[in-house]
Amino acid sequence: MNTKVTIAGVTLQNPVMTASGTFGSGMEYGEFVDLNKLGAVVTKGVANVPWAGNPTPRVAEVYGGMLNAIGLQNPGIDVFIERDIPFLKQYQTKIIVNVCGKTVADYIEVVEKLGDTGVDMLEINVSCPNVKEGAIAFGQKADALFDITSQIKKHAVQPVIMKLSPNVTDISEMARAAETAGADAISLINTLTGMKIDIHKRTFALANKTGGMSGPAIKPIAVRMVYQAASAVKIPVIGMGGICNAEDAIEFLLAGASAVSVGAANFFNPYATEEIVRGIEAYMEQYKIEDVKELIGAVQS
């Protein structure tokens, strides 16, 4: 069986990767997961300078998932290059760095610093719902998404994946805007904006009031959006949103995703990514599928 997939010229040994913000930079899960078994590790978002993130409380459990308003806390690109990239280079997995910023110049600074580091791809986070500056403006308007994508492409050495927000009216329009601007691939969905109120304290569960909803409850929405985006563009689509097992991952592949990212599942099952890799292989064996690419977009009308 061939489990390899190629995205923007980069070949992954299998279509399973981690979702940004749920796996640290790999080091945090090293005792649970053999990183050599994953297609790629997508790192937590990194900015040009350290970010403290939002005030606490920043996480709340909800039915079928969780809300988070971490606010993209990160140590900044200089620490990341010195500490995290050398760790990941010990493994044969591909390295995808998630990049965040508040202005176009912020993003470009990080992209340029990553140019000669040997990482494989960049995932540009323009859609984090709990960062007030930048993300909403870039991720929810097609013209703004087109602009930032085209600007980043002028400076990027590695292939660029634009991470799309589900908090929009028409996901197909956003996907086409990213493709037209030169994106090499798109990933979706980022979290849905949600809220929880503590009825006993009569206060918001998150200090930020709103947060990003992730987990199993959002999967049907994510599958629908991945199908629509994959139908609208010719560039590869990386699907995510509530993937907890191999069956979930295969559903995204059938909807048109070339690869999948596993996020919230890592929090309640740190072995999830490896289990999904094995589960996809078992499915292929069961149905006598020789190449995983036969599954991509294979849902029948």
C-alpha atoms as a PDB file:
ATOM      1  CA  MET A   1       0.000   0.000   0.000  1.00  0.00           C
ATOM      2  CA  ASN A   2       1.122   3.531  -0.755  1.00  0.00           C
ATOM      3  CA  THR A   3       0.151   6.050   1.934  1.00  0.00           C
ATOM      4  CA  LYS A   4       2.232   8.935   0.569  1.00  0.00           C
ATOM      5  CA  VAL A   5       0.602  12.213  -0.447  1.00  0.00           C
ATOM      6  CA  THR A   6       2.220  15.234  -2.067  1.00  0.00           C
ATOM      7  CA  ILE A   7       1.206  18.785  -1.210  1.00  0.00           C
ATOM      8  CA  ALA A   8       2.786  21.658  -3.127  1.00  0.00           C
ATOM      9  CA  GLY A   9       5.767  19.525  -4.076  1.00  0.00           C
ATOM     10  CA  VAL A  10       6.335  18.239  -0.529  1.00  0.00           C
ATOM     11  CA  THR A  11       5.787  14.505  -0.085  1.00  0.00           C
ATOM     12  CA  LEU A  12       4.406  13.289   3.231  1.00  0.00           C
ATOM     13  CA  GLN A  13       4.771   9.615   4.186  1.00  0.00           C
ATOM     14  CA  ASN A  14       1.078   9.576   5.104  1.00  0.00           C
ATOM     15  CA  PRO A  15      -1.763  12.150   5.150  1.00  0.00           C
ATOM     16  CA  VAL A  16      -1.913  12.584   8.946  1.00  0.00           C
ATOM     17  CA  MET A  17      -0.554  15.735  10.557  1.00  0.00           C
ATOM     18  CA  THR A  18      -1.144  17.647  13.764  1.00  0.00           C
ATOM     19  CA  ALA A  19      -3.319  20.732  14.042  1.00  0.00           C
ATOM     20  CA  SER A  20      -1.587  23.923  15.077  1.00  0.00           C
ATOM     21  CA  GLY A  21      -1.942  24.853  18.727  1.00  0.00           C
ATOM     22  CA  THR A  22      -2.788  21.343  19.920  1.00  0.00           C
ATOM     23  CA  PHE A  23       0.599  19.618  19.749  1.00  0.00           C
ATOM     24  CA  GLY A  24       3.086  22.268  20.860  1.00  0.00           C
ATOM     25  CA  SER A  25       6.059  21.881  18.570  1.00  0.00           C
ATOM     26  CA  GLY A  26       6.180  18.123  18.923  1.00  0.00           C
ATOM     27  CA  MET A  27       8.429  17.988  21.957  1.00  0.00           C
ATOM     28  CA  GLU A  28       5.445  18.056  24.303  1.00  0.00           C
ATOM     29  CA  TYR A  29       4.040  14.812  22.827  1.00  0.00           C
ATOM     30  CA  GLY A  30       7.315  13.007  22.233  1.00  0.00           C
ATOM     31  CA  GLU A  31       6.754  10.504  25.055  1.00  0.00           C
ATOM     32  CA  PHE A  32       3.345   9.493  23.654  1.00  0.00           C
ATOM     33  CA  VAL A  33       3.783   9.613  19.876  1.00  0.00           C
ATOM     34  CA  ASP A  34       6.600   8.468  17.611  1.00  0.00           C
ATOM     35  CA  LEU A  35       6.919  11.605  15.499  1.00  0.00           C
ATOM     36  CA  ASN A  36       8.604   9.526  12.792  1.00  0.00           C
ATOM     37  CA  LYS A  37       5.228   7.887  12.127  1.00  0.00           C
ATOM     38  CA  LEU A  38       3.416  11.164  11.266  1.00  0.00           C
ATOM     39  CA  GLY A  39       3.122  12.804   7.882  1.00  0.00           C
ATOM     40  CA  ALA A  40       3.909  16.232   9.341  1.00  0.00           C
ATOM     41  CA  VAL A  41       4.029  18.155  12.583  1.00  0.00           C
ATOM     42  CA  VAL A  42       2.298  21.519  12.351  1.00  0.00           C
ATOM     43  CA  THR A  43       3.686  23.732  15.087  1.00  0.00           C
ATOM     44  CA  LYS A  44       1.888  26.108  17.391  1.00  0.00           C
ATOM     45  CA  GLY A  45       1.608  29.601  15.900  1.00  0.00           C
ATOM     46  CA  VAL A  46       4.741  31.731  16.075  1.00  0.00           C
ATOM     47  CA  ALA A  47       4.963  35.521  15.762  1.00  0.00           C
ATOM     48  CA  ASN A  48       7.777  37.988  15.162  1.00  0.00           C
ATOM     49  CA  VAL A  49       7.932  38.831  18.875  1.00  0.00           C
ATOM     50  CA  PRO A  50       6.782  36.917  22.017  1.00  0.00           C
ATOM     51  CA  TRP A  51       3.055  37.058  22.735  1.00  0.00           C
ATOM     52  CA  ALA A  52       1.673  36.659  26.245  1.00  0.00           C
ATOM     53  CA  GLY A  53      -1.758  35.601  25.012  1.00  0.00           C
ATOM     54  CA  ASN A  54      -5.105  36.363  26.605  1.00  0.00           C
ATOM     55  CA  PRO A  55      -5.912  36.619  30.331  1.00  0.00           C
ATOM     56  CA  THR A  56      -7.182  33.521  32.135  1.00  0.00           C
ATOM     57  CA  PRO A  57      -9.449  31.574  32.236  1.00  0.00           C
ATOM     58  CA  ARG A  58      -8.643  30.612  28.659  1.00  0.00           C
ATOM     59  CA  VAL A  59     -10.163  27.137  28.239  1.00  0.00           C
ATOM     60  CA  ALA A  60     -13.679  25.849  28.895  1.00  0.00           C
ATOM     61  CA  GLU A  61     -15.168  22.421  28.300  1.00  0.00           C
ATOM     62  CA  VAL A  62     -18.444  22.359  26.370  1.00  0.00           C
ATOM     63  CA  TYR A  63     -20.703  19.585  25.121  1.00  0.00           C
ATOM     64  CA  GLY A  64     -18.944  17.793  22.290  1.00  0.00           C
ATOM     65  CA  GLY A  65     -15.739  19.795  22.484  1.00  0.00           C
ATOM     66  CA  MET A  66     -13.993  22.742  24.032  1.00  0.00           C
ATOM     67  CA  LEU A  67     -13.622  26.494  23.802  1.00  0.00           C
ATOM     68  CA  ASN A  68     -10.205  28.106  23.872  1.00  0.00           C
ATOM     69  CA  ALA A  69      -9.086  31.701  23.964  1.00  0.00           C
ATOM     70  CA  ILE A  70      -5.357  31.199  24.434  1.00  0.00           C
ATOM     71  CA  GLY A  71      -4.629  34.179  22.205  1.00  0.00           C
ATOM     72  CA  LEU A  72      -1.723  32.529  20.366  1.00  0.00           C
ATOM     73  CA  GLN A  73       0.712  32.726  23.268  1.00  0.00           C
ATOM     74  CA  ASN A  74       4.170  31.967  21.875  1.00  0.00           C
ATOM     75  CA  PRO A  75       7.863  32.670  22.603  1.00  0.00           C
ATOM     76  CA  GLY A  76       8.561  34.493  19.328  1.00  0.00           C
ATOM     77  CA  ILE A  77      10.377  33.432  16.172  1.00  0.00           C
ATOM     78  CA  ASP A  78      13.945  33.775  17.495  1.00  0.00           C
ATOM     79  CA  VAL A  79      13.393  31.313  20.357  1.00  0.00           C
ATOM     80  CA  PHE A  80      11.443  29.039  18.033  1.00  0.00           C
ATOM     81  CA  ILE A  81      14.277  28.873  15.497  1.00  0.00           C
ATOM     82  CA  GLU A  82      16.874  28.209  18.196  1.00  0.00           C
ATOM     83  CA  ARG A  83      14.901  25.656  20.230  1.00  0.00           C
ATOM     84  CA  ASP A  84      12.061  24.001  18.310  1.00  0.00           C
ATOM     85  CA  ILE A  85      13.305  23.570  14.750  1.00  0.00           C
ATOM     86  CA  PRO A  86      16.477  21.658  15.791  1.00  0.00           C
ATOM     87  CA  PHE A  87      14.298  19.313  17.866  1.00  0.00           C
ATOM     88  CA  LEU A  88      11.950  18.561  14.966  1.00  0.00           C
ATOM     89  CA  LYS A  89      14.820  18.018  12.534  1.00  0.00           C
ATOM     90  CA  GLN A  90      15.756  14.896  14.499  1.00  0.00           C
ATOM     91  CA  TYR A  91      12.723  13.181  12.966  1.00  0.00           C
ATOM     92  CA  GLN A  92      11.777  12.177   9.429  1.00  0.00           C
ATOM     93  CA  THR A  93       8.389  13.870   9.683  1.00  0.00           C
ATOM     94  CA  LYS A  94       7.842  17.028   7.654  1.00  0.00           C
ATOM     95  CA  ILE A  95       7.876  20.363   9.496  1.00  0.00           C
ATOM     96  CA  ILE A  96       5.096  22.881   8.889  1.00  0.00           C
ATOM     97  CA  VAL A  97       5.373  26.139  10.818  1.00  0.00           C
ATOM     98  CA  ASN A  98       2.188  28.011  11.664  1.00  0.00           C
ATOM     99  CA  VAL A  99       2.753  31.764  11.376  1.00  0.00           C
ATOM    100  CA  CYS A 100       0.669  34.443  13.110  1.00  0.00           C
ATOM    101  CA  GLY A 101       0.819  38.228  13.219  1.00  0.00           C
ATOM    102  CA  LYS A 102      -1.130  41.424  13.748  1.00  0.00           C
ATOM    103  CA  THR A 103      -0.027  43.226  10.586  1.00  0.00           C
ATOM    104  CA  VAL A 104       1.164  42.118   7.155  1.00  0.00           C
ATOM    105  CA  ALA A 105       4.663  43.288   8.121  1.00  0.00           C
ATOM    106  CA  ASP A 106       4.588  41.011  11.187  1.00  0.00           C
ATOM    107  CA  TYR A 107       3.812  37.978   9.060  1.00  0.00           C
ATOM    108  CA  ILE A 108       6.449  38.840   6.482  1.00  0.00           C
ATOM    109  CA  GLU A 109       9.134  39.230   9.154  1.00  0.00           C
ATOM    110  CA  VAL A 110       8.496  35.685  10.397  1.00  0.00           C
ATOM    111  CA  VAL A 111       8.242  34.250   6.883  1.00  0.00           C
ATOM    112  CA  GLU A 112      11.588  35.787   5.929  1.00  0.00           C
ATOM    113  CA  LYS A 113      13.310  34.500   9.066  1.00  0.00           C
ATOM    114  CA  LEU A 114      12.084  30.989   8.290  1.00  0.00           C
ATOM    115  CA  GLY A 115      13.380  31.139   4.721  1.00  0.00           C
ATOM    116  CA  ASP A 116      16.729  29.455   5.340  1.00  0.00           C
ATOM    117  CA  THR A 117      15.777  27.204   8.270  1.00  0.00           C
ATOM    118  CA  GLY A 118      14.963  24.129   6.218  1.00  0.00           C
ATOM    119  CA  VAL A 119      11.358  23.795   7.366  1.00  0.00           C
ATOM    120  CA  ASP A 120       9.129  22.256   4.723  1.00  0.00           C
ATOM    121  CA  MET A 121       6.015  24.451   4.560  1.00  0.00           C
ATOM    122  CA  LEU A 122       4.356  27.478   6.147  1.00  0.00           C
ATOM    123  CA  GLU A 123       0.768  27.582   7.387  1.00  0.00           C
ATOM    124  CA  ILE A 124      -0.449  31.155   7.651  1.00  0.00           C
ATOM    125  CA  ASN A 125      -2.953  31.706  10.456  1.00  0.00           C
ATOM    126  CA  VAL A 126      -5.196  34.559   9.347  1.00  0.00           C
ATOM    127  CA  SER A 127      -8.272  33.175  11.039  1.00  0.00           C
ATOM    128  CA  CYS A 128      -7.843  32.856  14.795  1.00  0.00           C
ATOM    129  CA  PRO A 129     -11.173  34.017  16.257  1.00  0.00           C
ATOM    130  CA  ASN A 130      -9.823  35.016  19.652  1.00  0.00           C
ATOM    131  CA  VAL A 131      -7.113  37.423  18.544  1.00  0.00           C
ATOM    132  CA  LYS A 132      -8.766  40.801  18.081  1.00  0.00           C
ATOM    133  CA  GLU A 133      -6.137  42.400  15.876  1.00  0.00           C
ATOM    134  CA  GLY A 134      -5.253  41.106  12.444  1.00  0.00           C
ATOM    135  CA  ALA A 135      -6.924  37.724  12.220  1.00  0.00           C
ATOM    136  CA  ILE A 136     -10.532  38.847  11.834  1.00  0.00           C
ATOM    137  CA  ALA A 137      -9.640  41.522   9.300  1.00  0.00           C
ATOM    138  CA  PHE A 138      -7.532  39.122   7.222  1.00  0.00           C
ATOM    139  CA  GLY A 139      -9.521  35.930   7.585  1.00  0.00           C
ATOM    140  CA  GLN A 140     -13.106  37.041   7.047  1.00  0.00           C
ATOM    141  CA  LYS A 141     -12.887  39.269   3.980  1.00  0.00           C
ATOM    142  CA  ALA A 142     -11.943  37.872   0.581  1.00  0.00           C
ATOM    143  CA  ASP A 143     -10.090  40.991  -0.573  1.00  0.00           C
ATOM    144  CA  ALA A 144      -8.034  41.147   2.639  1.00  0.00           C
ATOM    145  CA  LEU A 145      -7.232  37.438   2.361  1.00  0.00           C
ATOM    146  CA  PHE A 146      -6.155  37.925  -1.253  1.00  0.00           C
ATOM    147  CA  ASP A 147      -3.919  40.843  -0.263  1.00  0.00           C
ATOM    148  CA  ILE A 148      -2.105  39.155   2.618  1.00  0.00           C
ATOM    149  CA  THR A 149      -1.682  35.930   0.661  1.00  0.00           C
ATOM    150  CA  SER A 150      -0.139  37.688  -2.315  1.00  0.00           C
ATOM    151  CA  GLN A 151       2.153  39.750  -0.051  1.00  0.00           C
ATOM    152  CA  ILE A 152       3.387  36.682   1.822  1.00  0.00           C
ATOM    153  CA  LYS A 153       3.984  34.760  -1.405  1.00  0.00           C
ATOM    154  CA  LYS A 154       6.410  37.474  -2.531  1.00  0.00           C
ATOM    155  CA  HIS A 155       8.631  36.735   0.477  1.00  0.00           C
ATOM    156  CA  ALA A 156       8.137  33.039   1.180  1.00  0.00           C
ATOM    157  CA  VAL A 157      10.759  30.473   0.237  1.00  0.00           C
ATOM    158  CA  GLN A 158       8.608  27.513   1.299  1.00  0.00           C
ATOM    159  CA  PRO A 159       5.159  26.586  -0.032  1.00  0.00           C
ATOM    160  CA  VAL A 160       2.390  28.596   1.636  1.00  0.00           C
ATOM    161  CA  ILE A 161      -0.759  27.065   3.153  1.00  0.00           C
ATOM    162  CA  MET A 162      -3.459  29.593   4.010  1.00  0.00           C
ATOM    163  CA  LYS A 163      -5.567  28.529   7.006  1.00  0.00           C
ATOM    164  CA  LEU A 164      -9.168  29.557   6.422  1.00  0.00           C
ATOM    165  CA  SER A 165     -11.779  30.680   8.922  1.00  0.00           C
ATOM    166  CA  PRO A 166     -15.202  28.990   9.038  1.00  0.00           C
ATOM    167  CA  ASN A 167     -16.688  32.222  10.398  1.00  0.00           C
ATOM    168  CA  VAL A 168     -17.580  33.470   6.929  1.00  0.00           C
ATOM    169  CA  THR A 169     -20.629  33.521   4.670  1.00  0.00           C
ATOM    170  CA  ASP A 170     -19.131  31.643   1.713  1.00  0.00           C
ATOM    171  CA  ILE A 171     -16.118  29.369   2.254  1.00  0.00           C
ATOM    172  CA  SER A 172     -15.802  28.747  -1.501  1.00  0.00           C
ATOM    173  CA  GLU A 173     -15.232  32.461  -2.103  1.00  0.00           C
ATOM    174  CA  MET A 174     -12.463  32.515   0.514  1.00  0.00           C
ATOM    175  CA  ALA A 175     -10.837  29.408  -0.926  1.00  0.00           C
ATOM    176  CA  ARG A 176     -10.818  30.914  -4.421  1.00  0.00           C
ATOM    177  CA  ALA A 177      -9.378  34.196  -3.096  1.00  0.00           C
ATOM    178  CA  ALA A 178      -6.458  32.338  -1.526  1.00  0.00           C
ATOM    179  CA  GLU A 179      -5.862  30.276  -4.664  1.00  0.00           C
ATOM    180  CA  THR A 180      -6.025  33.301  -6.982  1.00  0.00           C
ATOM    181  CA  ALA A 181      -3.517  35.135  -4.758  1.00  0.00           C
ATOM    182  CA  GLY A 182      -1.019  32.327  -5.180  1.00  0.00           C
ATOM    183  CA  ALA A 183      -1.536  30.071  -2.153  1.00  0.00           C
ATOM    184  CA  ASP A 184       0.022  26.640  -2.685  1.00  0.00           C
ATOM    185  CA  ALA A 185      -2.602  24.948  -0.491  1.00  0.00           C
ATOM    186  CA  ILE A 186      -5.359  25.801   1.962  1.00  0.00           C
ATOM    187  CA  SER A 187      -6.246  24.307   5.340  1.00  0.00           C
ATOM    188  CA  LEU A 188      -9.621  24.373   7.063  1.00  0.00           C
ATOM    189  CA  ILE A 189     -11.442  24.722   9.260  1.00  0.00           C
ATOM    190  CA  ASN A 190     -10.060  26.825  12.039  1.00  0.00           C
ATOM    191  CA  THR A 191     -12.245  27.009  15.149  1.00  0.00           C
ATOM    192  CA  LEU A 192     -15.795  28.343  15.187  1.00  0.00           C
ATOM    193  CA  THR A 193     -16.477  31.326  17.412  1.00  0.00           C
ATOM    194  CA  GLY A 194     -18.394  30.291  20.508  1.00  0.00           C
ATOM    195  CA  MET A 195     -19.342  31.386  24.020  1.00  0.00           C
ATOM    196  CA  LYS A 196     -20.117  29.810  27.395  1.00  0.00           C
ATOM    197  CA  ILE A 197     -21.700  31.455  30.438  1.00  0.00           C
ATOM    198  CA  ASP A 198     -21.465  30.146  33.993  1.00  0.00           C
ATOM    199  CA  ILE A 199     -25.076  30.400  35.185  1.00  0.00           C
ATOM    200  CA  HIS A 200     -24.146  30.132  38.866  1.00  0.00           C
ATOM    201  CA  LYS A 201     -21.538  32.890  38.852  1.00  0.00           C
ATOM    202  CA  ARG A 202     -23.366  34.710  36.031  1.00  0.00           C
ATOM    203  CA  THR A 203     -20.041  35.385  34.359  1.00  0.00           C
ATOM    204  CA  PHE A 204     -18.412  34.396  31.096  1.00  0.00           C
ATOM    205  CA  ALA A 205     -16.502  31.112  31.282  1.00  0.00           C
ATOM    206  CA  LEU A 206     -13.651  32.698  29.323  1.00  0.00           C
ATOM    207  CA  ALA A 207     -12.037  35.998  30.253  1.00  0.00           C
ATOM    208  CA  ASN A 208     -12.106  36.831  26.552  1.00  0.00           C
ATOM    209  CA  LYS A 209     -15.909  36.223  26.526  1.00  0.00           C
ATOM    210  CA  THR A 210     -15.666  34.346  23.211  1.00  0.00           C
ATOM    211  CA  GLY A 211     -13.355  31.551  22.155  1.00  0.00           C
ATOM    212  CA  GLY A 212     -12.696  29.064  19.419  1.00  0.00           C
ATOM    213  CA  MET A 213     -14.892  25.971  19.435  1.00  0.00           C
ATOM    214  CA  SER A 214     -13.171  22.709  18.504  1.00  0.00           C
ATOM    215  CA  GLY A 215     -13.801  19.014  18.996  1.00  0.00           C
ATOM    216  CA  PRO A 216     -16.160  16.318  17.667  1.00  0.00           C
ATOM    217  CA  ALA A 217     -19.237  18.578  17.596  1.00  0.00           C
ATOM    218  CA  ILE A 218     -17.859  20.699  14.746  1.00  0.00           C
ATOM    219  CA  LYS A 219     -16.934  17.809  12.429  1.00  0.00           C
ATOM    220  CA  PRO A 220     -20.066  17.820  10.216  1.00  0.00           C
ATOM    221  CA  ILE A 221     -19.589  21.547   9.578  1.00  0.00           C
ATOM    222  CA  ALA A 222     -15.910  21.012   8.808  1.00  0.00           C
ATOM    223  CA  VAL A 223     -16.593  18.138   6.392  1.00  0.00           C
ATOM    224  CA  ARG A 224     -19.131  20.267   4.540  1.00  0.00           C
ATOM    225  CA  MET A 225     -16.744  23.219   4.244  1.00  0.00           C
ATOM    226  CA  VAL A 226     -13.830  21.033   3.134  1.00  0.00           C
ATOM    227  CA  TYR A 227     -16.038  19.503   0.434  1.00  0.00           C
ATOM    228  CA  GLN A 228     -17.119  22.955  -0.764  1.00  0.00           C
ATOM    229  CA  ALA A 229     -13.569  24.345  -0.730  1.00  0.00           C
ATOM    230  CA  ALA A 230     -12.097  21.318  -2.497  1.00  0.00           C
ATOM    231  CA  SER A 231     -14.807  21.596  -5.158  1.00  0.00           C
ATOM    232  CA  ALA A 232     -13.972  25.270  -5.690  1.00  0.00           C
ATOM    233  CA  VAL A 233     -10.171  25.140  -6.121  1.00  0.00           C
ATOM    234  CA  LYS A 234      -7.477  23.065  -7.790  1.00  0.00           C
ATOM    235  CA  ILE A 235      -4.835  23.473  -5.060  1.00  0.00           C
ATOM    236  CA  PRO A 236      -4.593  20.839  -2.276  1.00  0.00           C
ATOM    237  CA  VAL A 237      -6.864  21.102   0.743  1.00  0.00           C
ATOM    238  CA  ILE A 238      -5.876  20.023   4.252  1.00  0.00           C
ATOM    239  CA  GLY A 239      -8.957  19.134   6.285  1.00  0.00           C
ATOM    240  CA  MET A 240      -9.465  19.438  10.025  1.00  0.00           C
ATOM    241  CA  GLY A 241     -12.198  19.906  12.588  1.00  0.00           C
ATOM    242  CA  GLY A 242     -13.252  17.283  15.117  1.00  0.00           C
ATOM    243  CA  ILE A 243     -11.158  14.396  13.779  1.00  0.00           C
ATOM    244  CA  CYS A 244     -10.876  11.800  16.555  1.00  0.00           C
ATOM    245  CA  ASN A 245     -10.277   8.510  14.744  1.00  0.00           C
ATOM    246  CA  ALA A 246      -9.459   6.984  11.375  1.00  0.00           C
ATOM    247  CA  GLU A 247     -13.106   6.951  10.299  1.00  0.00           C
ATOM    248  CA  ASP A 248     -13.274  10.724  10.773  1.00  0.00           C
ATOM    249  CA  ALA A 249     -10.046  11.230   8.845  1.00  0.00           C
ATOM    250  CA  ILE A 250     -11.229   9.066   5.934  1.00  0.00           C
ATOM    251  CA  GLU A 251     -14.446  11.075   5.751  1.00  0.00           C
ATOM    252  CA  PHE A 252     -12.377  14.221   5.146  1.00  0.00           C
ATOM    253  CA  LEU A 253     -10.290  12.484   2.485  1.00  0.00           C
ATOM    254  CA  LEU A 254     -13.425  11.343   0.676  1.00  0.00           C
ATOM    255  CA  ALA A 255     -14.733  14.926   0.849  1.00  0.00           C
ATOM    256  CA  GLY A 256     -11.658  16.122  -1.056  1.00  0.00           C
ATOM    257  CA  ALA A 257      -8.905  16.696   1.498  1.00  0.00           C
ATOM    258  CA  SER A 258      -5.417  15.623   0.440  1.00  0.00           C
ATOM    259  CA  ALA A 259      -4.348  15.391   4.091  1.00  0.00           C
ATOM    260  CA  VAL A 260      -5.855  15.863   7.545  1.00  0.00           C
ATOM    261  CA  SER A 261      -4.859  17.581  10.782  1.00  0.00           C
ATOM    262  CA  VAL A 262      -5.756  16.203  14.206  1.00  0.00           C
ATOM    263  CA  GLY A 263      -6.390  18.806  16.898  1.00  0.00           C
ATOM    264  CA  ALA A 264      -8.583  18.615  19.999  1.00  0.00           C
ATOM    265  CA  ALA A 265      -8.364  14.815  20.047  1.00  0.00           C
ATOM    266  CA  ASN A 266      -4.737  15.147  21.180  1.00  0.00           C
ATOM    267  CA  PHE A 267      -5.953  16.598  24.475  1.00  0.00           C
ATOM    268  CA  PHE A 268      -8.058  13.607  25.500  1.00  0.00           C
ATOM    269  CA  ASN A 269      -6.118  10.927  23.625  1.00  0.00           C
ATOM    270  CA  PRO A 270      -2.434  11.781  23.177  1.00  0.00           C
ATOM    271  CA  TYR A 271      -2.001   8.685  21.003  1.00  0.00           C
ATOM    272  CA  ALA A 272      -4.675   9.782  18.508  1.00  0.00           C
ATOM    273  CA  THR A 273      -2.442  10.727  15.579  1.00  0.00           C
ATOM    274  CA  GLU A 274      -0.553   7.433  15.497  1.00  0.00           C
ATOM    275  CA  GLU A 275      -3.773   5.471  15.939  1.00  0.00           C
ATOM    276  CA  ILE A 276      -5.297   7.305  12.964  1.00  0.00           C
ATOM    277  CA  VAL A 277      -2.296   6.474  10.770  1.00  0.00           C
ATOM    278  CA  ARG A 278      -2.728   2.777  11.600  1.00  0.00           C
ATOM    279  CA  GLY A 279      -6.495   3.002  11.162  1.00  0.00           C
ATOM    280  CA  ILE A 280      -6.199   4.434   7.647  1.00  0.00           C
ATOM    281  CA  GLU A 281      -3.824   1.610   6.724  1.00  0.00           C
ATOM    282  CA  ALA A 282      -6.290  -0.954   8.111  1.00  0.00           C
ATOM    283  CA  TYR A 283      -9.126   0.613   6.105  1.00  0.00           C
ATOM    284  CA  MET A 284      -7.039   0.485   2.936  1.00  0.00           C
ATOM    285  CA  GLU A 285      -6.238  -3.164   3.565  1.00  0.00           C
ATOM    286  CA  GLN A 286      -9.907  -3.976   4.267  1.00  0.00           C
ATOM    287  CA  TYR A 287     -11.101  -2.400   1.020  1.00  0.00           C
ATOM    288  CA  LYS A 288      -8.027  -3.433  -1.019  1.00  0.00           C
ATOM    289  CA  ILE A 289      -7.009   0.162  -1.739  1.00  0.00           C
ATOM    290  CA  GLU A 290      -3.448   0.261  -3.057  1.00  0.00           C
ATOM    291  CA  ASP A 291      -2.917   4.036  -2.962  1.00  0.00           C
ATOM    292  CA  VAL A 292      -4.387   6.447  -0.419  1.00  0.00           C
ATOM    293  CA  LYS A 293      -4.792   9.008  -3.195  1.00  0.00           C
ATOM    294  CA  GLU A 294      -7.639   6.838  -4.530  1.00  0.00           C
ATOM    295  CA  LEU A 295      -9.674   8.068  -1.555  1.00  0.00           C
ATOM    296  CA  ILE A 296      -9.182  11.804  -2.121  1.00  0.00           C
ATOM    297  CA  GLY A 297     -12.439  13.321  -3.325  1.00  0.00           C
ATOM    298  CA  ALA A 298     -13.880   9.871  -4.000  1.00  0.00           C
ATOM    299  CA  VAL A 299     -17.275  10.480  -2.395  1.00  0.00           C
ATOM    300  CA  GLN A 300     -19.977   9.505  -4.884  1.00  0.00           C
ATOM    301  CA  SER A 301     -22.869  11.817  -5.663  1.00  0.00           C
END
